[in-house]
Amino acid sequence: MIKTIFLYSFIFFTLFFVSFSFHNHFLEENQVLLPFSLKKVYLFHLGFSMLICINFKLLSSVNKIADQLGFIYLGTLLLKIVLFSIIFYQSIFTEEELSKISRISLLIPALIFLLTEAIFVAKILNKRDISKIP
């Protein structure tokens, strides 16, 4: 289990460094200024996604909770959206209108980390379902 947690951490940190570097380089080269900190957006998604995956790996070994992990995951997605909205409220919702590049810059890290997180959670849930078969 510890090996898996280190693997998740390594993958998420690698994903953070690579995707943030490319994204930031693209924005700097095109001289685009965002009304929010791109690094903070990436760090939020890194931390929350890694936290979800590690907790799900740990919770999958608890029999009472393991059967409800799918529903818990849906709740964590809602929590992630709400927390993101609260944390970045000032820079997202108080702007008159975000430019198209700003909207896309918010969406890219969300999609990258959401897809990675969903793959890991799906693997955890599938392993749990297979282990239930007698």
N, C-alpha and C. Protein backbone atom coordinates (compact mmCIF):
# COMPACT_ATOMS: atom_id res chain seq x y z
N MET A 1 0.82 -1.18 0.00
CA MET A 1 0.00 0.00 0.00
C MET A 1 0.87 1.27 0.00
N ILE A 2 1.95 1.25 0.75
CA ILE A 2 2.84 2.41 0.80
C ILE A 2 3.46 2.65 -0.57
N LYS A 3 3.80 1.57 -1.27
CA LYS A 3 4.36 1.68 -2.61
C LYS A 3 3.36 2.38 -3.54
N THR A 4 2.09 2.03 -3.43
CA THR A 4 1.05 2.64 -4.26
C THR A 4 0.89 4.12 -3.93
N ILE A 5 0.94 4.46 -2.66
CA ILE A 5 0.81 5.87 -2.25
C ILE A 5 1.99 6.69 -2.79
N PHE A 6 3.19 6.14 -2.73
CA PHE A 6 4.35 6.83 -3.31
C PHE A 6 4.21 6.97 -4.82
N LEU A 7 3.66 5.95 -5.46
CA LEU A 7 3.44 6.01 -6.90
C LEU A 7 2.44 7.11 -7.25
N TYR A 8 1.33 7.19 -6.51
CA TYR A 8 0.35 8.26 -6.72
C TYR A 8 1.00 9.63 -6.55
N SER A 9 1.76 9.78 -5.48
CA SER A 9 2.41 11.06 -5.21
C SER A 9 3.38 11.42 -6.33
N PHE A 10 4.17 10.46 -6.75
CA PHE A 10 5.13 10.71 -7.83
C PHE A 10 4.43 11.11 -9.12
N ILE A 11 3.38 10.40 -9.47
CA ILE A 11 2.65 10.70 -10.71
C ILE A 11 2.01 12.08 -10.64
N PHE A 12 1.37 12.41 -9.52
CA PHE A 12 0.72 13.71 -9.40
C PHE A 12 1.73 14.86 -9.41
N PHE A 13 2.86 14.70 -8.72
CA PHE A 13 3.86 15.76 -8.73
C PHE A 13 4.50 15.91 -10.11
N THR A 14 4.75 14.81 -10.78
CA THR A 14 5.29 14.86 -12.14
C THR A 14 4.30 15.55 -13.07
N LEU A 15 3.05 15.17 -12.94
CA LEU A 15 1.99 15.78 -13.75
C LEU A 15 1.91 17.28 -13.49
N PHE A 16 2.03 17.66 -12.23
CA PHE A 16 2.01 19.08 -11.87
C PHE A 16 3.17 19.83 -12.54
N PHE A 17 4.38 19.34 -12.35
CA PHE A 17 5.55 20.05 -12.88
C PHE A 17 5.53 20.13 -14.40
N VAL A 18 5.19 19.04 -15.06
CA VAL A 18 5.20 19.03 -16.52
C VAL A 18 4.08 19.91 -17.09
N SER A 19 2.86 19.69 -16.62
CA SER A 19 1.74 20.44 -17.19
C SER A 19 1.80 21.92 -16.83
N PHE A 20 2.18 22.25 -15.60
CA PHE A 20 2.30 23.66 -15.23
C PHE A 20 3.40 24.35 -16.04
N SER A 21 4.52 23.66 -16.22
CA SER A 21 5.62 24.26 -16.98
C SER A 21 5.20 24.56 -18.42
N PHE A 22 4.57 23.59 -19.07
CA PHE A 22 4.12 23.80 -20.45
C PHE A 22 3.07 24.91 -20.53
N HIS A 23 2.13 24.86 -19.61
CA HIS A 23 1.04 25.85 -19.61
C HIS A 23 1.59 27.25 -19.36
N ASN A 24 2.44 27.39 -18.37
CA ASN A 24 3.02 28.69 -18.03
C ASN A 24 3.91 29.20 -19.17
N HIS A 25 4.68 28.31 -19.76
CA HIS A 25 5.55 28.70 -20.87
C HIS A 25 4.72 29.21 -22.05
N PHE A 26 3.63 28.53 -22.35
CA PHE A 26 2.74 28.96 -23.43
C PHE A 26 2.17 30.35 -23.16
N LEU A 27 1.72 30.57 -21.93
CA LEU A 27 1.15 31.87 -21.58
C LEU A 27 2.20 32.99 -21.63
N GLU A 28 3.41 32.71 -21.15
CA GLU A 28 4.46 33.71 -21.17
C GLU A 28 4.89 34.03 -22.60
N GLU A 29 4.95 33.01 -23.43
CA GLU A 29 5.36 33.24 -24.81
C GLU A 29 4.33 34.07 -25.58
N ASN A 30 3.07 33.90 -25.26
CA ASN A 30 2.01 34.67 -25.91
C ASN A 30 1.67 35.94 -25.14
N GLN A 31 2.43 36.22 -24.09
CA GLN A 31 2.27 37.42 -23.27
C GLN A 31 0.84 37.59 -22.76
N VAL A 32 0.32 36.52 -22.18
CA VAL A 32 -1.04 36.53 -21.63
C VAL A 32 -0.94 36.72 -20.12
N LEU A 33 -1.69 37.68 -19.60
CA LEU A 33 -1.77 37.90 -18.16
C LEU A 33 -3.12 37.40 -17.67
N LEU A 34 -3.09 36.53 -16.68
CA LEU A 34 -4.32 35.98 -16.12
C LEU A 34 -4.70 36.75 -14.86
N PRO A 35 -6.00 36.86 -14.57
CA PRO A 35 -6.43 37.57 -13.36
C PRO A 35 -6.31 36.71 -12.10
N PHE A 36 -5.70 35.56 -12.21
CA PHE A 36 -5.51 34.65 -11.08
C PHE A 36 -4.14 34.01 -11.20
N SER A 37 -3.71 33.40 -10.12
CA SER A 37 -2.41 32.74 -10.11
C SER A 37 -2.57 31.33 -10.67
N LEU A 38 -1.95 31.08 -11.80
CA LEU A 38 -2.03 29.76 -12.42
C LEU A 38 -1.38 28.70 -11.53
N LYS A 39 -0.31 29.08 -10.86
CA LYS A 39 0.38 28.14 -9.98
C LYS A 39 -0.52 27.71 -8.82
N LYS A 40 -1.28 28.65 -8.27
CA LYS A 40 -2.20 28.31 -7.18
C LYS A 40 -3.32 27.39 -7.65
N VAL A 41 -3.78 27.59 -8.87
CA VAL A 41 -4.82 26.71 -9.43
C VAL A 41 -4.27 25.30 -9.57
N TYR A 42 -3.07 25.18 -10.12
CA TYR A 42 -2.44 23.86 -10.26
C TYR A 42 -2.18 23.22 -8.90
N LEU A 43 -1.70 24.02 -7.94
CA LEU A 43 -1.43 23.48 -6.61
C LEU A 43 -2.71 23.00 -5.92
N PHE A 44 -3.80 23.73 -6.10
CA PHE A 44 -5.08 23.31 -5.53
C PHE A 44 -5.47 21.94 -6.08
N HIS A 45 -5.42 21.80 -7.39
CA HIS A 45 -5.82 20.53 -8.00
C HIS A 45 -4.85 19.41 -7.64
N LEU A 46 -3.58 19.72 -7.57
CA LEU A 46 -2.59 18.72 -7.16
C LEU A 46 -2.90 18.21 -5.77
N GLY A 47 -3.05 19.12 -4.83
CA GLY A 47 -3.29 18.73 -3.45
C GLY A 47 -4.59 17.98 -3.25
N PHE A 48 -5.66 18.49 -3.83
CA PHE A 48 -6.96 17.86 -3.62
C PHE A 48 -7.04 16.50 -4.28
N SER A 49 -6.53 16.39 -5.51
CA SER A 49 -6.58 15.11 -6.22
C SER A 49 -5.72 14.06 -5.54
N MET A 50 -4.53 14.47 -5.11
CA MET A 50 -3.65 13.53 -4.42
C MET A 50 -4.27 13.09 -3.09
N LEU A 51 -4.88 14.02 -2.38
CA LEU A 51 -5.54 13.71 -1.12
C LEU A 51 -6.68 12.71 -1.33
N ILE A 52 -7.47 12.92 -2.35
CA ILE A 52 -8.57 12.01 -2.65
C ILE A 52 -8.04 10.61 -2.94
N CYS A 53 -7.06 10.50 -3.81
CA CYS A 53 -6.55 9.18 -4.20
C CYS A 53 -5.91 8.43 -3.04
N ILE A 54 -5.14 9.14 -2.24
CA ILE A 54 -4.48 8.48 -1.10
C ILE A 54 -5.53 8.05 -0.07
N ASN A 55 -6.49 8.93 0.21
CA ASN A 55 -7.54 8.55 1.16
C ASN A 55 -8.38 7.39 0.66
N PHE A 56 -8.67 7.36 -0.62
CA PHE A 56 -9.46 6.25 -1.17
C PHE A 56 -8.68 4.94 -1.10
N LYS A 57 -7.38 5.02 -1.33
CA LYS A 57 -6.55 3.81 -1.21
C LYS A 57 -6.58 3.30 0.22
N LEU A 58 -6.50 4.22 1.18
CA LEU A 58 -6.54 3.82 2.59
C LEU A 58 -7.93 3.32 2.99
N LEU A 59 -8.97 4.01 2.53
CA LEU A 59 -10.34 3.63 2.90
C LEU A 59 -10.80 2.34 2.22
N SER A 60 -10.16 1.96 1.13
CA SER A 60 -10.58 0.74 0.43
C SER A 60 -10.30 -0.51 1.27
N SER A 61 -9.45 -0.39 2.27
CA SER A 61 -9.16 -1.54 3.12
C SER A 61 -10.11 -1.62 4.33
N VAL A 62 -10.95 -0.61 4.52
CA VAL A 62 -11.92 -0.62 5.61
C VAL A 62 -13.23 -1.18 5.06
N ASN A 63 -13.64 -2.35 5.55
CA ASN A 63 -14.80 -3.04 4.99
C ASN A 63 -16.10 -2.25 5.11
N LYS A 64 -16.31 -1.56 6.20
CA LYS A 64 -17.56 -0.81 6.38
C LYS A 64 -17.71 0.33 5.39
N ILE A 65 -16.62 0.94 5.02
CA ILE A 65 -16.65 2.11 4.15
C ILE A 65 -16.45 1.73 2.68
N ALA A 66 -15.75 0.65 2.42
CA ALA A 66 -15.35 0.30 1.06
C ALA A 66 -16.53 0.16 0.11
N ASP A 67 -17.66 -0.30 0.60
CA ASP A 67 -18.82 -0.47 -0.28
C ASP A 67 -19.43 0.86 -0.70
N GLN A 68 -19.13 1.92 0.00
CA GLN A 68 -19.70 3.23 -0.29
C GLN A 68 -18.73 4.19 -0.97
N LEU A 69 -17.58 3.70 -1.38
CA LEU A 69 -16.55 4.58 -1.93
C LEU A 69 -17.00 5.32 -3.19
N GLY A 70 -17.80 4.69 -4.02
CA GLY A 70 -18.28 5.35 -5.23
C GLY A 70 -19.12 6.57 -4.90
N PHE A 71 -20.00 6.44 -3.91
CA PHE A 71 -20.84 7.57 -3.50
C PHE A 71 -20.00 8.64 -2.80
N ILE A 72 -19.03 8.21 -2.04
CA ILE A 72 -18.15 9.16 -1.37
C ILE A 72 -17.36 9.96 -2.41
N TYR A 73 -16.95 9.31 -3.48
CA TYR A 73 -16.22 10.00 -4.53
C TYR A 73 -17.07 11.10 -5.16
N LEU A 74 -18.33 10.82 -5.40
CA LEU A 74 -19.22 11.85 -5.95
C LEU A 74 -19.32 13.05 -5.00
N GLY A 75 -19.37 12.78 -3.71
CA GLY A 75 -19.40 13.86 -2.72
C GLY A 75 -18.11 14.66 -2.71
N THR A 76 -16.98 13.98 -2.89
CA THR A 76 -15.70 14.71 -2.90
C THR A 76 -15.58 15.59 -4.14
N LEU A 77 -16.16 15.15 -5.25
CA LEU A 77 -16.15 16.00 -6.45
C LEU A 77 -16.94 17.28 -6.22
N LEU A 78 -18.09 17.15 -5.57
CA LEU A 78 -18.88 18.33 -5.24
C LEU A 78 -18.11 19.24 -4.29
N LEU A 79 -17.48 18.65 -3.28
CA LEU A 79 -16.68 19.41 -2.33
C LEU A 79 -15.53 20.13 -3.03
N LYS A 80 -14.90 19.47 -3.99
CA LYS A 80 -13.80 20.07 -4.73
C LYS A 80 -14.27 21.29 -5.50
N ILE A 81 -15.42 21.20 -6.14
CA ILE A 81 -15.96 22.33 -6.90
C ILE A 81 -16.29 23.50 -5.97
N VAL A 82 -16.92 23.18 -4.84
CA VAL A 82 -17.30 24.23 -3.89
C VAL A 82 -16.06 24.92 -3.31
N LEU A 83 -15.07 24.13 -2.88
CA LEU A 83 -13.85 24.72 -2.33
C LEU A 83 -13.09 25.55 -3.36
N PHE A 84 -13.04 25.06 -4.58
CA PHE A 84 -12.38 25.82 -5.64
C PHE A 84 -13.08 27.15 -5.86
N SER A 85 -14.39 27.12 -5.87
CA SER A 85 -15.17 28.35 -6.06
C SER A 85 -14.96 29.33 -4.91
N ILE A 86 -14.88 28.81 -3.70
CA ILE A 86 -14.66 29.68 -2.54
C ILE A 86 -13.25 30.28 -2.55
N ILE A 87 -12.25 29.45 -2.80
CA ILE A 87 -10.87 29.91 -2.76
C ILE A 87 -10.57 30.91 -3.87
N PHE A 88 -11.09 30.66 -5.07
CA PHE A 88 -10.78 31.51 -6.20
C PHE A 88 -11.94 32.44 -6.57
N TYR A 89 -12.83 32.69 -5.62
CA TYR A 89 -14.00 33.52 -5.87
C TYR A 89 -13.62 34.92 -6.35
N GLN A 90 -12.69 35.52 -5.64
CA GLN A 90 -12.30 36.91 -5.94
C GLN A 90 -11.80 37.06 -7.38
N SER A 91 -10.96 36.15 -7.82
CA SER A 91 -10.35 36.32 -9.14
C SER A 91 -11.21 35.77 -10.27
N ILE A 92 -12.18 34.94 -9.96
CA ILE A 92 -13.00 34.35 -11.02
C ILE A 92 -14.34 35.05 -11.17
N PHE A 93 -15.05 35.21 -10.09
CA PHE A 93 -16.41 35.70 -10.18
C PHE A 93 -16.54 37.22 -10.10
N THR A 94 -15.55 37.92 -9.58
CA THR A 94 -15.66 39.38 -9.48
C THR A 94 -15.18 40.08 -10.75
N GLU A 95 -14.49 39.35 -11.61
CA GLU A 95 -14.09 39.92 -12.90
C GLU A 95 -15.34 40.12 -13.74
N GLU A 96 -15.36 41.19 -14.52
CA GLU A 96 -16.52 41.46 -15.38
C GLU A 96 -16.76 40.27 -16.30
N GLU A 97 -15.74 39.92 -17.05
CA GLU A 97 -15.85 38.77 -17.93
C GLU A 97 -14.45 38.21 -18.15
N LEU A 98 -14.30 36.94 -17.88
CA LEU A 98 -13.01 36.31 -18.11
C LEU A 98 -12.81 36.11 -19.60
N SER A 99 -11.60 36.32 -20.05
CA SER A 99 -11.31 36.08 -21.46
C SER A 99 -11.34 34.59 -21.74
N LYS A 100 -11.40 34.25 -23.00
CA LYS A 100 -11.45 32.84 -23.39
C LYS A 100 -10.21 32.09 -22.92
N ILE A 101 -9.05 32.72 -23.03
CA ILE A 101 -7.81 32.07 -22.60
C ILE A 101 -7.79 31.87 -21.09
N SER A 102 -8.40 32.78 -20.34
CA SER A 102 -8.48 32.64 -18.88
C SER A 102 -9.39 31.47 -18.51
N ARG A 103 -10.50 31.35 -19.20
CA ARG A 103 -11.41 30.24 -18.94
C ARG A 103 -10.76 28.90 -19.25
N ILE A 104 -10.07 28.86 -20.38
CA ILE A 104 -9.39 27.62 -20.76
C ILE A 104 -8.27 27.31 -19.77
N SER A 105 -7.59 28.34 -19.30
CA SER A 105 -6.52 28.14 -18.32
C SER A 105 -7.04 27.63 -16.99
N LEU A 106 -8.28 27.90 -16.67
CA LEU A 106 -8.89 27.31 -15.47
C LEU A 106 -9.31 25.87 -15.73
N LEU A 107 -9.73 25.60 -16.93
CA LEU A 107 -10.26 24.28 -17.27
C LEU A 107 -9.17 23.23 -17.46
N ILE A 108 -8.05 23.62 -18.02
CA ILE A 108 -6.97 22.66 -18.33
C ILE A 108 -6.48 21.92 -17.08
N PRO A 109 -6.07 22.61 -16.01
CA PRO A 109 -5.61 21.85 -14.84
C PRO A 109 -6.72 21.01 -14.21
N ALA A 110 -7.95 21.52 -14.24
CA ALA A 110 -9.06 20.76 -13.67
C ALA A 110 -9.24 19.44 -14.43
N LEU A 111 -9.19 19.50 -15.73
CA LEU A 111 -9.37 18.28 -16.53
C LEU A 111 -8.20 17.32 -16.39
N ILE A 112 -6.98 17.85 -16.39
CA ILE A 112 -5.80 17.00 -16.26
C ILE A 112 -5.84 16.21 -14.96
N PHE A 113 -6.08 16.91 -13.86
CA PHE A 113 -6.06 16.24 -12.56
C PHE A 113 -7.32 15.41 -12.33
N LEU A 114 -8.45 15.85 -12.86
CA LEU A 114 -9.68 15.07 -12.72
C LEU A 114 -9.58 13.74 -13.44
N LEU A 115 -9.04 13.74 -14.65
CA LEU A 115 -8.89 12.49 -15.40
C LEU A 115 -7.93 11.53 -14.70
N THR A 116 -6.83 12.06 -14.22
CA THR A 116 -5.86 11.21 -13.52
C THR A 116 -6.47 10.66 -12.23
N GLU A 117 -7.12 11.51 -11.50
CA GLU A 117 -7.79 11.11 -10.26
C GLU A 117 -8.86 10.05 -10.53
N ALA A 118 -9.64 10.24 -11.56
CA ALA A 118 -10.71 9.29 -11.90
C ALA A 118 -10.13 7.93 -12.29
N ILE A 119 -9.03 7.92 -12.99
CA ILE A 119 -8.39 6.65 -13.36
C ILE A 119 -7.94 5.90 -12.10
N PHE A 120 -7.29 6.60 -11.18
CA PHE A 120 -6.82 5.96 -9.95
C PHE A 120 -7.99 5.47 -9.10
N VAL A 121 -9.02 6.29 -8.96
CA VAL A 121 -10.16 5.89 -8.14
C VAL A 121 -10.88 4.70 -8.79
N ALA A 122 -10.98 4.70 -10.11
CA ALA A 122 -11.61 3.57 -10.81
C ALA A 122 -10.83 2.28 -10.58
N LYS A 123 -9.50 2.37 -10.61
CA LYS A 123 -8.68 1.18 -10.34
C LYS A 123 -8.89 0.69 -8.91
N ILE A 124 -8.98 1.62 -7.97
CA ILE A 124 -9.20 1.25 -6.57
C ILE A 124 -10.55 0.57 -6.42
N LEU A 125 -11.57 1.14 -7.04
CA LEU A 125 -12.93 0.57 -6.94
C LEU A 125 -13.01 -0.78 -7.65
N ASN A 126 -12.34 -0.93 -8.78
CA ASN A 126 -12.36 -2.21 -9.50
C ASN A 126 -11.64 -3.30 -8.72
N LYS A 127 -10.54 -2.97 -8.10
CA LYS A 127 -9.84 -3.97 -7.28
C LYS A 127 -10.71 -4.39 -6.11
N ARG A 128 -11.44 -3.45 -5.57
CA ARG A 128 -12.34 -3.75 -4.45
C ARG A 128 -13.46 -4.67 -4.91
N ASP A 129 -14.02 -4.43 -6.09
CA ASP A 129 -15.11 -5.26 -6.61
C ASP A 129 -14.62 -6.68 -6.93
N ILE A 130 -13.43 -6.82 -7.45
CA ILE A 130 -12.89 -8.13 -7.77
C ILE A 130 -12.63 -8.94 -6.52
N SER A 131 -12.17 -8.27 -5.47
CA SER A 131 -11.87 -8.99 -4.23
C SER A 131 -13.14 -9.45 -3.52
N LYS A 132 -14.30 -8.93 -3.89
CA LYS A 132 -15.56 -9.36 -3.28
C LYS A 132 -16.05 -10.69 -3.84
N ILE A 133 -15.63 -11.01 -5.05
CA ILE A 133 -16.11 -12.25 -5.69
C ILE A 133 -15.56 -13.44 -4.94
N PRO A 134 -16.46 -14.38 -4.56
CA PRO A 134 -16.01 -15.54 -3.78
C PRO A 134 -15.16 -16.50 -4.56
